[in-house]
Amino acid sequence: MALARFRKVCLDARDPVRLGAFWAAALGRAFEPDGRGEGGVFGPTPGHTLWFNAVPQPREVKHRVHLDIYARDLADLEASARASCCPRAATAAGR
């Protein structure tokens, strides 16, 4: 019997709503805010959840975890992500 079970991937961020919007766009899902400045991107099961925690301190060292994803078209992925989390940058870039 396992001593623990996987619940979700949690990512600390200074701006969890913006980071969550980016990952939601990249994965073709919706970011669901919790009303306290945090929120999640939910998949088909609870084990497919990305949760974005608000933290006050800036990141000072390299992250030791990353998310591997596959994209059919990198340019489309970048444009979608820019439009969802950085609308001013997407407009300035003509996208």
Protein backbone atom coordinates (compact mmCIF):
# COMPACT_ATOMS: atom_id res chain seq x y z
CA MET A 1 0.00 0.00 0.00
CA ALA A 2 1.27 3.46 -0.91
CA LEU A 3 2.12 5.87 1.87
CA ALA A 4 0.82 8.81 -0.15
CA ARG A 5 -1.04 9.57 -3.35
CA PHE A 6 -0.53 12.25 -5.97
CA ARG A 7 -2.88 15.20 -5.72
CA LYS A 8 -1.80 17.98 -8.13
CA VAL A 9 1.16 19.96 -9.42
CA CYS A 10 1.48 23.27 -7.56
CA LEU A 11 3.45 26.16 -9.01
CA ASP A 12 4.48 29.19 -6.95
CA ALA A 13 4.18 32.52 -8.74
CA ARG A 14 4.24 36.23 -8.02
CA ASP A 15 1.34 36.58 -10.49
CA PRO A 16 -0.57 33.28 -10.42
CA VAL A 17 -3.48 34.53 -12.53
CA ARG A 18 -1.19 35.55 -15.38
CA LEU A 19 0.88 32.37 -15.20
CA GLY A 20 -2.28 30.26 -14.97
CA ALA A 21 -3.73 32.01 -18.03
CA PHE A 22 -0.55 31.22 -19.96
CA TRP A 23 -0.67 27.49 -19.12
CA ALA A 24 -4.41 27.30 -19.73
CA ALA A 25 -3.94 28.75 -23.22
CA ALA A 26 -0.99 26.47 -23.92
CA LEU A 27 -2.97 23.38 -22.90
CA GLY A 28 -6.31 24.40 -24.44
CA ARG A 29 -8.02 24.65 -21.07
CA ALA A 30 -9.48 27.43 -18.92
CA PHE A 31 -7.91 29.04 -15.88
CA GLU A 32 -10.32 29.01 -12.95
CA PRO A 33 -9.49 31.66 -10.31
CA ASP A 34 -10.39 30.95 -6.71
CA GLY A 35 -11.22 34.57 -5.76
CA ARG A 36 -8.10 34.96 -3.59
CA GLY A 37 -5.58 35.63 -6.34
CA GLU A 38 -4.79 31.98 -6.95
CA GLY A 39 -6.39 29.34 -9.13
CA GLY A 40 -6.08 26.25 -11.23
CA VAL A 41 -6.10 24.67 -14.64
CA PHE A 42 -8.06 21.44 -14.44
CA GLY A 43 -7.80 18.41 -16.69
CA PRO A 44 -9.95 15.33 -17.17
CA THR A 45 -9.09 13.94 -13.71
CA PRO A 46 -8.01 15.54 -10.43
CA GLY A 47 -4.50 14.20 -11.13
CA HIS A 48 -4.30 16.49 -14.16
CA THR A 49 -4.57 19.69 -12.10
CA LEU A 50 -2.08 22.55 -12.20
CA TRP A 51 -2.52 24.86 -9.21
CA PHE A 52 -0.95 28.33 -9.08
CA ASN A 53 -0.05 29.60 -5.60
CA ALA A 54 0.60 33.26 -4.81
CA VAL A 55 3.97 33.89 -3.15
CA PRO A 56 5.34 37.30 -2.12
CA GLN A 57 9.04 36.66 -2.74
CA PRO A 58 10.66 36.66 -6.20
CA ARG A 59 12.30 33.53 -7.51
CA GLU A 60 15.99 33.61 -6.69
CA VAL A 61 17.22 30.27 -8.03
CA LYS A 62 16.54 28.09 -11.04
CA HIS A 63 13.38 26.00 -10.92
CA ARG A 64 14.15 22.29 -10.54
CA VAL A 65 10.83 21.20 -12.05
CA HIS A 66 9.48 21.83 -15.52
CA LEU A 67 6.45 20.78 -17.53
CA ASP A 68 7.05 18.83 -20.74
CA ILE A 69 4.45 19.52 -23.41
CA TYR A 70 4.10 18.72 -27.10
CA ALA A 71 2.92 21.36 -29.55
CA ARG A 72 1.91 20.86 -33.18
CA ASP A 73 2.90 24.41 -34.06
CA LEU A 74 5.14 26.48 -31.82
CA ALA A 75 4.17 29.78 -33.45
CA ASP A 76 0.46 29.13 -32.79
CA LEU A 77 1.23 28.17 -29.19
CA GLU A 78 3.23 31.35 -28.63
CA ALA A 79 0.54 33.55 -30.18
CA SER A 80 -2.20 31.93 -28.09
CA ALA A 81 -0.19 32.27 -24.90
CA ARG A 82 0.65 35.91 -25.59
CA ALA A 83 -2.97 36.73 -26.31
CA SER A 84 -4.18 35.11 -23.09
CA CYS A 85 -1.65 36.38 -20.58
CA CYS A 86 -0.07 39.39 -22.29
CA PRO A 87 -2.73 41.02 -24.49
CA ARG A 88 -0.80 44.29 -24.84
CA ALA A 89 2.31 42.46 -26.09
CA ALA A 90 0.23 40.44 -28.56
CA THR A 91 -1.37 43.63 -29.93
CA ALA A 92 2.02 45.34 -30.24
CA ALA A 93 3.39 42.32 -32.10
CA GLY A 94 0.49 42.48 -34.57
CA ARG A 95 -1.10 39.26 -33.43
